[in-house]
Amino acid sequence: MAEFVVRVGGHTAQGKRSNNEDCFVVDPHRHVFLVADGMGGQDKGEEASRLAADIIPREICSRLAAQEQGPEAVRHAMDQAHRAILEAGKGMSSTKRMGTTAVLAVQCHDRVYVAGVGDSPAFLVRQGKVEQLTVDHTVADALARNGAITPDQAKASPFRNVLYKFLGCAEMADGPDIRPFEPQAGDRLILASDGLSGFITPADLLAGVDRPPQQWAEELVALALARGSNDNVTCVVVAFEAESGPGSGVLPQT
């Protein structure tokens, strides 16, 4: 595989919510990138997303260092976070269940493994096209995938924000969906919370491919808020470049 310079940017905004339950990780040195969107009310969503952001990168790096294959390392890391969130949420009312979505990208050798649970998506921008690499685990999207309703009906459905799969979901029967791809020079990978993805279009993603990743992440968050997002809004942009460019320092988690 060609060697890439990986440049990253990440930004989050509280928006109109009383607190920010989103969390993100950008670590180009260890090739781990994550967005988590917590739920559970008050500080519980923050706790759930923080647990995911702390546990998943640590577990992945440990398992990869022990020569575990990429997909298995991803599954085990997400399972560890899932179990920790379930344990932390014991005793909570089922109507205030503590949990978090998680969308993750890990570069391992010649591949990037993208994994998701919940409705925080990952988009690959490549050669003038945008592809969503993840599946939204909402009831409305499941009905649309099964042909029970149309995609347009899913967007207006009262079940469009009802998740059936997330970290901390006691009824979750299987692990994350994992989608590998081989990066190419010029690729842009965008990880987002649904507070952003519901307010941007493929055209918006294509418009920023030449911008520095940090600038682009900040602009996409601002755009979602300007278009009326009432949620927390978070974006991580990962740029794969064939030649040396600006340095790719580690941004702090927030």
Foldseek 3Di string as FASTA:
>chain_A
DFDWAKAKAKDWDAFQDPDALKKWFDDVVQQKTKIKGKFQDDCLSNVLNVLLVPQLVVQLSVVVVVVDDNVVSNQVSLVVSLVVQLVVQPPPDPVRFIFMKMWMWGDDPQKIKIWIWAAWWKWKQDDNDIDIQAQHQWPLSVCCVVVVDPPVCSVVDPRVRHGPTTRRRPPDDDTIDMDMDGDDALMKMKTWDCLQVVQDDRVLVSVCSPPRNNVSQVVSQVRSSVRPRRGIIMMMMMHIHSDDDDHHDTDDMD
